[in-house]
Amino acid sequence: MKNILTGEQRPGANTSRGGKASAWLEATEQMVLFPWEWRRERLRKEMAVKPPELFSGYRFALKGSPRHFDDVRALIENSGDAHVYFGEALAYERGAGVALWRIRSKEFGWLPTLYEWWAEMERTEPIEFTFHLYMPTDPKYPVMNLREFTPENVAAYIREHAVWEGDRPISATREQLSRGQASLSSH
């Protein structure tokens, strides 16, 4: 007999019954007699864990002011071309509290928006803050202070030095493939 909820054949069930008694037994075996039987199956479906889809892109990290963690995360992810795959609102680096955003980004349209937001925050608040760029090959020391570079320079540096993770883009040069990197600029 098949279980009505799971559709699985019950082990040891006799499938060679005949007559009216067989039809009655089959109907009663398919009925859910106890509430915990259907609840358990419904709960199993509701509680199923689905792994998140891998977001392809250049992998790097930014560190900055913990005060602006949520705003920066929203700016990065609202573009649709970047994803913060790990963020920590308050981490400690050499005794100082910093926010950490580990990012995968296909394109860098969010960088000018970040710079505009940053300028507005420094205009309205009395505190100056900065962002530092880190590469996964050396997570201990920053490779650049974003205050000293334009968004275009930062994007070019990331394209040149960051590791591409996930599905490859449509086009990549031979040198980039040999280094494990790819470029999206030719799309």
Protein backbone atom coordinates (compact mmCIF):
# COMPACT_ATOMS: atom_id res chain seq x y z
CA MET A 1 0.00 0.00 0.00
CA LYS A 2 1.11 3.52 -0.70
CA ASN A 3 1.18 6.22 1.93
CA ILE A 4 -1.11 9.03 0.78
CA LEU A 5 1.23 11.75 2.07
CA THR A 6 4.59 10.52 0.88
CA GLY A 7 3.54 8.32 -2.04
CA GLU A 8 5.95 5.63 -0.79
CA GLN A 9 5.18 1.94 -0.68
CA ARG A 10 4.86 0.78 2.92
CA PRO A 11 7.30 -2.00 3.74
CA GLY A 12 5.63 -5.35 4.40
CA ALA A 13 2.29 -4.24 2.96
CA ASN A 14 0.39 -7.02 1.24
CA THR A 15 -0.52 -5.89 -2.27
CA SER A 16 -2.19 -9.14 -3.37
CA ARG A 17 -5.48 -8.81 -1.45
CA GLY A 18 -8.73 -9.23 -3.28
CA GLY A 19 -12.41 -8.38 -2.84
CA LYS A 20 -14.27 -5.88 -0.65
CA ALA A 21 -11.96 -6.38 2.33
CA SER A 22 -8.97 -5.39 0.19
CA ALA A 23 -10.60 -2.14 -0.95
CA TRP A 24 -11.58 -1.27 2.63
CA LEU A 25 -8.06 -2.02 3.97
CA GLU A 26 -6.47 0.00 1.21
CA ALA A 27 -8.71 3.01 1.93
CA THR A 28 -8.03 2.91 5.67
CA GLU A 29 -4.27 2.57 5.16
CA GLN A 30 -4.26 5.68 2.96
CA MET A 31 -6.24 7.76 5.46
CA VAL A 32 -4.35 9.91 7.88
CA LEU A 33 -5.68 8.77 11.20
CA PHE A 34 -3.52 10.78 13.52
CA PRO A 35 -2.82 14.51 13.27
CA TRP A 36 0.91 14.15 13.90
CA GLU A 37 1.29 12.15 10.69
CA TRP A 38 0.26 15.03 8.40
CA ARG A 39 1.86 17.66 10.63
CA ARG A 40 5.20 15.89 10.48
CA GLU A 41 5.15 15.77 6.67
CA ARG A 42 4.05 19.40 6.38
CA LEU A 43 6.75 20.46 8.82
CA ARG A 44 9.39 18.52 6.87
CA LYS A 45 8.45 20.43 3.70
CA GLU A 46 8.31 23.81 5.47
CA MET A 47 11.62 23.31 7.28
CA ALA A 48 13.56 22.07 4.26
CA VAL A 49 16.87 23.92 3.98
CA LYS A 50 17.74 25.11 0.51
CA PRO A 51 21.31 26.28 -0.01
CA PRO A 52 21.60 29.80 -1.40
CA GLU A 53 22.58 30.20 -5.02
CA LEU A 54 26.23 31.01 -5.61
CA PHE A 55 26.64 34.59 -6.79
CA SER A 56 29.43 34.77 -9.35
CA GLY A 57 31.84 37.69 -9.40
CA TYR A 58 35.07 39.23 -8.21
CA ARG A 59 35.69 38.45 -4.55
CA PHE A 60 37.09 41.12 -2.23
CA ALA A 61 36.37 42.83 1.09
CA LEU A 62 35.74 46.35 2.34
CA LYS A 63 36.24 47.53 5.89
CA GLY A 64 34.87 50.78 7.25
CA SER A 65 32.84 52.45 9.98
CA PRO A 66 30.54 50.15 12.00
CA ARG A 67 28.03 53.01 12.28
CA HIS A 68 27.14 52.72 8.58
CA PHE A 69 27.07 48.93 8.20
CA ASP A 70 23.42 48.56 7.13
CA ASP A 71 23.47 51.57 4.79
CA VAL A 72 26.58 50.38 2.95
CA ARG A 73 25.26 46.83 2.67
CA ALA A 74 22.01 48.14 1.17
CA LEU A 75 23.91 50.37 -1.30
CA ILE A 76 26.02 47.43 -2.48
CA GLU A 77 23.16 44.96 -2.85
CA ASN A 78 20.59 47.35 -4.37
CA SER A 79 22.52 47.45 -7.65
CA GLY A 80 21.85 43.77 -8.34
CA ASP A 81 25.41 43.36 -9.65
CA ALA A 82 26.98 42.75 -6.24
CA HIS A 83 26.24 40.64 -3.20
CA VAL A 84 27.54 40.85 0.37
CA TYR A 85 28.06 37.15 1.06
CA PHE A 86 29.35 37.82 4.57
CA GLY A 87 29.04 40.91 6.69
CA GLU A 88 29.99 41.71 10.24
CA ALA A 89 28.72 44.93 11.80
CA LEU A 90 31.42 45.03 14.47
CA ALA A 91 34.77 43.30 14.06
CA TYR A 92 38.02 44.20 15.76
CA GLU A 93 41.17 44.85 13.81
CA ARG A 94 44.26 45.76 15.77
CA GLY A 95 42.09 47.05 18.63
CA ALA A 96 39.82 49.21 16.47
CA GLY A 97 36.16 48.45 15.79
CA VAL A 98 35.41 48.12 12.07
CA ALA A 99 32.59 46.85 9.89
CA LEU A 100 33.41 44.11 7.40
CA TRP A 101 31.72 43.48 4.06
CA ARG A 102 32.89 40.47 2.00
CA ILE A 103 31.61 41.06 -1.49
CA ARG A 104 31.19 39.27 -4.82
CA SER A 105 30.61 41.74 -7.61
CA LYS A 106 30.06 41.27 -11.35
CA GLU A 107 30.04 44.98 -12.16
CA PHE A 108 30.89 48.10 -10.19
CA GLY A 109 27.99 50.47 -10.85
CA TRP A 110 27.44 50.64 -7.10
CA LEU A 111 30.86 52.24 -6.46
CA PRO A 112 29.94 55.79 -7.67
CA THR A 113 26.74 55.53 -5.61
CA LEU A 114 28.81 54.56 -2.57
CA TYR A 115 31.13 57.53 -3.12
CA GLU A 116 28.14 59.93 -3.44
CA TRP A 117 26.55 58.56 -0.28
CA TRP A 118 29.91 58.77 1.51
CA ALA A 119 30.35 62.45 0.57
CA GLU A 120 26.82 63.20 1.79
CA MET A 121 27.41 61.42 5.12
CA GLU A 122 30.61 63.36 5.72
CA ARG A 123 28.84 66.60 4.84
CA THR A 124 25.95 66.00 7.26
CA GLU A 125 27.87 64.34 10.11
CA PRO A 126 30.87 65.81 11.93
CA ILE A 127 32.89 62.59 11.66
CA GLU A 128 35.18 61.60 8.79
CA PHE A 129 35.47 57.91 7.99
CA THR A 130 37.03 55.85 5.26
CA PHE A 131 36.83 52.49 3.54
CA HIS A 132 39.74 50.12 2.98
CA LEU A 133 39.89 47.50 0.23
CA TYR A 134 41.20 44.02 1.04
CA MET A 135 41.96 41.16 -1.32
CA PRO A 136 41.39 37.52 -0.34
CA THR A 137 45.04 36.72 -0.99
CA ASP A 138 46.11 39.04 1.88
CA PRO A 139 43.18 39.62 4.26
CA LYS A 140 45.37 41.12 6.98
CA TYR A 141 46.51 44.31 5.24
CA PRO A 142 44.53 46.72 3.04
CA VAL A 143 45.60 47.18 -0.55
CA MET A 144 44.12 50.67 -0.83
CA ASN A 145 42.31 53.42 0.99
CA LEU A 146 39.25 54.31 -1.10
CA ARG A 147 39.52 57.98 -0.05
CA GLU A 148 42.65 58.34 -2.21
CA PHE A 149 41.17 56.88 -5.43
CA THR A 150 38.22 57.45 -7.75
CA PRO A 151 35.52 54.78 -8.21
CA GLU A 152 36.88 54.02 -11.69
CA ASN A 153 40.40 53.42 -10.32
CA VAL A 154 39.04 51.15 -7.58
CA ALA A 155 36.98 49.14 -10.09
CA ALA A 156 39.99 48.79 -12.42
CA TYR A 157 42.17 47.61 -9.52
CA ILE A 158 39.60 45.01 -8.45
CA ARG A 159 39.22 43.73 -12.02
CA GLU A 160 42.98 43.39 -12.29
CA HIS A 161 43.79 41.81 -8.91
CA ALA A 162 40.67 40.17 -7.43
CA VAL A 163 39.84 36.51 -7.85
CA TRP A 164 36.80 35.62 -9.97
CA GLU A 165 34.59 33.11 -8.21
CA GLY A 166 31.70 31.16 -9.70
CA ASP A 167 30.65 30.79 -13.32
CA ARG A 168 32.95 32.40 -15.85
CA PRO A 169 31.76 35.37 -17.87
CA ILE A 170 31.24 35.06 -21.60
CA SER A 171 34.64 36.44 -22.56
CA ALA A 172 38.00 36.30 -20.88
CA THR A 173 41.53 36.75 -22.11
CA ARG A 174 44.01 33.90 -22.03
CA GLU A 175 46.16 35.68 -19.43
CA GLN A 176 43.18 36.23 -17.14
CA LEU A 177 42.13 32.59 -17.40
CA SER A 178 45.66 31.42 -16.59
CA ARG A 179 45.64 33.61 -13.44
CA GLY A 180 42.12 32.46 -12.53
CA GLN A 181 40.60 35.86 -13.34
CA ALA A 182 38.14 37.07 -15.92
CA SER A 183 36.96 40.41 -17.26
CA LEU A 184 33.42 41.60 -17.76
CA SER A 185 34.44 44.84 -19.43
CA SER A 186 34.09 43.39 -22.95
CA HIS A 187 30.39 42.49 -22.59
